[in-house]
Amino acid sequence: MDAIETIQNFLNSGQQSTVWLMVGIIALSYLLEDVAIVAAAGLALEGLLSPSLALVAIFIGIATGDLGLYYLGRSGRYFRGIRYKALTNRNFRSLRTKLRKNAFISLFVIRFIPGLRTVGFTLSGFFTIPLPIFLSAVIGATALWTGLVFSTIYYLGNAAWLQASQYQWVIIPCAILLLYGANKLINKSYSREQV
């Protein structure tokens, strides 16, 4: 129990703990974006982090992760074997044409479809989509999604009837399950449209 108390005291100690909580949210967003949003909202509800700092941490984590995928794709252009496969594959050429033609809308929509983010953002870099278009689409979609999910969880958690309940802790697992279900539903409906 001594280690747990030490960690709790460290997290509640002030300025240094705020930085570490923000770094933790950023790191978590590289792995699981939606879980990072829910965790940040939970930390803001508990008063360990201000809502504005929690949103900034989420936004920095998601935006830098997406930018990293873009530059991963850009670096793939330097490998001859990958370039050869891309140039000789007929499907790849049509994908490049479609992505370049409607870059902003395509990237904006890709942000909301689970499973396409990594591939779509990496291919954006590989196809040399202009960085300002990429950033404007990704930042706009990220701001919309993050703001919607974070504010819903935060305001629901601050509701008086939930504050009085002994089951306030249930909001975080329920939010994660709801986001997971929504992602599956969006992915399934998008896959059906493509067939």
Protein backbone atom coordinates (compact mmCIF):
# COMPACT_ATOMS: atom_id res chain seq x y z
CA MET A 1 0.00 0.00 0.00
CA ASP A 2 2.93 2.35 0.56
CA ALA A 3 3.77 2.48 -3.16
CA ILE A 4 0.18 3.30 -4.09
CA GLU A 5 0.03 6.10 -1.53
CA THR A 6 3.33 7.47 -2.82
CA ILE A 7 2.03 7.51 -6.40
CA GLN A 8 -1.21 9.20 -5.33
CA ASN A 9 0.70 11.84 -3.36
CA PHE A 10 2.95 12.45 -6.36
CA LEU A 11 0.00 12.82 -8.73
CA ASN A 12 -1.70 15.27 -6.39
CA SER A 13 1.45 17.24 -5.60
CA GLY A 14 0.89 20.06 -8.08
CA GLN A 15 2.64 21.42 -11.13
CA GLN A 16 4.90 18.45 -11.81
CA SER A 17 2.00 16.02 -11.67
CA THR A 18 0.08 18.04 -14.26
CA VAL A 19 2.94 17.69 -16.73
CA TRP A 20 3.19 13.95 -16.13
CA LEU A 21 -0.55 13.47 -16.50
CA MET A 22 -0.45 15.35 -19.80
CA VAL A 23 2.51 13.26 -21.00
CA GLY A 24 0.59 10.12 -20.02
CA ILE A 25 -2.47 11.21 -22.00
CA ILE A 26 -0.32 12.02 -25.03
CA ALA A 27 1.40 8.63 -24.83
CA LEU A 28 -1.93 6.82 -24.40
CA SER A 29 -3.35 8.62 -27.43
CA TYR A 30 -0.60 7.06 -29.58
CA LEU A 31 -1.94 3.64 -28.65
CA LEU A 32 -5.70 4.07 -28.16
CA GLU A 33 -7.10 7.47 -29.03
CA ASP A 34 -10.63 6.97 -27.77
CA VAL A 35 -9.44 5.51 -24.47
CA ALA A 36 -7.14 8.52 -24.06
CA ILE A 37 -10.11 10.86 -24.57
CA VAL A 38 -12.14 9.00 -21.95
CA ALA A 39 -9.19 8.89 -19.54
CA ALA A 40 -8.58 12.62 -19.95
CA ALA A 41 -12.25 13.36 -19.29
CA GLY A 42 -12.07 11.13 -16.20
CA LEU A 43 -8.99 12.97 -14.92
CA ALA A 44 -10.74 16.30 -15.49
CA LEU A 45 -13.82 15.04 -13.64
CA GLU A 46 -11.69 14.01 -10.68
CA GLY A 47 -10.06 17.43 -10.63
CA LEU A 48 -6.57 16.06 -11.24
CA LEU A 49 -6.29 17.99 -14.50
CA SER A 50 -8.16 21.02 -15.78
CA PRO A 51 -10.50 20.32 -18.72
CA SER A 52 -8.59 22.71 -20.98
CA LEU A 53 -5.24 21.03 -20.26
CA ALA A 54 -6.79 17.60 -20.75
CA LEU A 55 -8.14 18.66 -24.15
CA VAL A 56 -4.78 20.17 -25.13
CA ALA A 57 -2.99 16.92 -24.19
CA ILE A 58 -5.42 14.81 -26.21
CA PHE A 59 -5.19 17.13 -29.17
CA ILE A 60 -1.38 17.19 -29.11
CA GLY A 61 -1.23 13.40 -28.85
CA ILE A 62 -3.67 12.70 -31.67
CA ALA A 63 -2.32 15.39 -34.01
CA THR A 64 1.33 14.40 -33.55
CA GLY A 65 0.44 10.73 -33.98
CA ASP A 66 -1.34 11.48 -37.26
CA LEU A 67 1.55 13.65 -38.41
CA GLY A 68 3.93 10.80 -37.57
CA LEU A 69 1.92 8.47 -39.80
CA TYR A 70 2.05 11.04 -42.60
CA TYR A 71 5.84 11.26 -42.37
CA LEU A 72 6.12 7.49 -42.16
CA GLY A 73 4.40 7.37 -45.54
CA ARG A 74 6.67 10.11 -46.88
CA SER A 75 9.72 8.14 -45.81
CA GLY A 76 8.36 5.07 -47.62
CA ARG A 77 8.90 6.89 -50.92
CA TYR A 78 12.65 6.51 -50.44
CA PHE A 79 12.53 2.71 -50.62
CA ARG A 80 12.80 1.53 -54.20
CA GLY A 81 10.90 -1.73 -53.65
CA ILE A 82 7.90 0.02 -52.12
CA ARG A 83 7.87 2.64 -54.87
CA TYR A 84 8.03 -0.05 -57.55
CA LYS A 85 5.11 -1.97 -56.03
CA ALA A 86 3.09 1.23 -55.75
CA LEU A 87 3.73 2.33 -59.31
CA THR A 88 2.99 -1.05 -60.90
CA ASN A 89 -0.14 -1.87 -58.90
CA ARG A 90 -3.29 -0.78 -60.75
CA ASN A 91 -5.40 -0.52 -57.58
CA PHE A 92 -2.77 1.62 -55.92
CA ARG A 93 -2.86 4.11 -58.80
CA SER A 94 -6.65 4.42 -58.64
CA LEU A 95 -6.46 4.89 -54.87
CA ARG A 96 -3.86 7.63 -55.32
CA THR A 97 -6.06 9.38 -57.87
CA LYS A 98 -9.12 9.23 -55.60
CA LEU A 99 -7.22 10.43 -52.54
CA ARG A 100 -5.58 13.30 -54.39
CA LYS A 101 -8.83 14.36 -56.06
CA ASN A 102 -10.80 14.78 -52.81
CA ALA A 103 -7.99 14.95 -50.28
CA PHE A 104 -9.63 17.16 -47.67
CA ILE A 105 -12.99 15.34 -47.58
CA SER A 106 -11.37 11.89 -47.76
CA LEU A 107 -8.99 12.60 -44.89
CA PHE A 108 -11.75 14.21 -42.83
CA VAL A 109 -13.93 11.09 -43.22
CA ILE A 110 -11.01 8.69 -42.64
CA ARG A 111 -10.55 10.19 -39.16
CA PHE A 112 -13.96 8.78 -38.13
CA ILE A 113 -13.58 5.28 -39.62
CA PRO A 114 -11.68 2.87 -37.40
CA GLY A 115 -9.08 0.82 -39.20
CA LEU A 116 -8.55 3.35 -41.98
CA ARG A 117 -6.67 5.96 -40.00
CA THR A 118 -3.29 4.28 -40.06
CA VAL A 119 -3.48 3.25 -43.70
CA GLY A 120 -5.11 6.46 -44.91
CA PHE A 121 -2.74 8.82 -43.15
CA THR A 122 0.34 6.81 -44.14
CA LEU A 123 -0.78 6.71 -47.76
CA SER A 124 -1.37 10.47 -47.62
CA GLY A 125 2.30 10.93 -46.92
CA PHE A 126 3.30 8.38 -49.54
CA PHE A 127 1.12 10.06 -52.17
CA THR A 128 2.53 13.46 -51.13
CA ILE A 129 -0.79 15.04 -50.28
CA PRO A 130 0.11 18.67 -49.48
CA LEU A 131 0.82 19.04 -45.77
CA PRO A 132 -1.51 22.06 -45.27
CA ILE A 133 -4.46 20.10 -46.71
CA PHE A 134 -3.58 17.05 -44.59
CA LEU A 135 -3.22 19.10 -41.41
CA SER A 136 -6.40 21.12 -41.94
CA ALA A 137 -8.49 17.98 -42.54
CA VAL A 138 -6.98 16.02 -39.67
CA ILE A 139 -7.02 18.91 -37.18
CA GLY A 140 -10.61 19.82 -38.06
CA ALA A 141 -11.85 16.24 -37.72
CA THR A 142 -9.81 15.68 -34.55
CA ALA A 143 -11.19 18.84 -32.95
CA LEU A 144 -14.75 17.81 -33.80
CA TRP A 145 -14.41 14.22 -32.55
CA THR A 146 -12.39 15.04 -29.45
CA GLY A 147 -14.61 17.95 -28.48
CA LEU A 148 -17.77 15.91 -28.90
CA VAL A 149 -16.61 12.84 -26.97
CA PHE A 150 -14.75 14.74 -24.24
CA SER A 151 -17.53 17.25 -23.57
CA THR A 152 -20.20 14.53 -23.52
CA ILE A 153 -18.30 12.49 -20.94
CA TYR A 154 -17.27 15.53 -18.93
CA TYR A 155 -20.73 17.07 -18.70
CA LEU A 156 -22.40 13.74 -18.08
CA GLY A 157 -19.92 13.11 -15.27
CA ASN A 158 -20.65 16.53 -13.78
CA ALA A 159 -24.41 15.94 -13.78
CA ALA A 160 -25.85 16.36 -10.28
CA TRP A 161 -27.78 13.08 -10.36
CA LEU A 162 -24.60 11.19 -11.29
CA GLN A 163 -22.49 13.05 -8.72
CA ALA A 164 -24.88 11.93 -5.99
CA SER A 165 -24.76 8.32 -7.15
CA GLN A 166 -22.34 5.78 -5.79
CA TYR A 167 -21.94 4.42 -9.32
CA GLN A 168 -20.14 7.43 -10.79
CA TRP A 169 -17.14 5.26 -11.64
CA VAL A 170 -19.28 3.32 -14.15
CA ILE A 171 -19.24 6.23 -16.61
CA ILE A 172 -15.70 5.51 -17.84
CA PRO A 173 -16.14 1.80 -18.72
CA CYS A 174 -19.54 2.58 -20.25
CA ALA A 175 -18.05 5.37 -22.36
CA ILE A 176 -15.28 3.08 -23.60
CA LEU A 177 -17.80 0.38 -24.52
CA LEU A 178 -20.04 2.92 -26.22
CA LEU A 179 -17.15 4.30 -28.29
CA TYR A 180 -16.05 0.79 -29.20
CA GLY A 181 -19.58 -0.09 -30.32
CA ALA A 182 -19.90 3.14 -32.30
CA ASN A 183 -16.57 2.48 -34.03
CA LYS A 184 -17.66 -1.05 -34.93
CA LEU A 185 -21.00 0.21 -36.26
CA ILE A 186 -19.37 2.93 -38.38
CA ASN A 187 -16.82 0.46 -39.71
CA LYS A 188 -19.52 -2.09 -40.55
CA SER A 189 -21.76 0.44 -42.30
CA TYR A 190 -18.80 1.86 -44.24
CA SER A 191 -17.74 -1.65 -45.32
CA ARG A 192 -21.28 -2.37 -46.52
CA GLU A 193 -21.29 0.79 -48.64
CA GLN A 194 -18.03 -0.16 -50.29
CA VAL A 195 -19.32 -3.58 -51.43
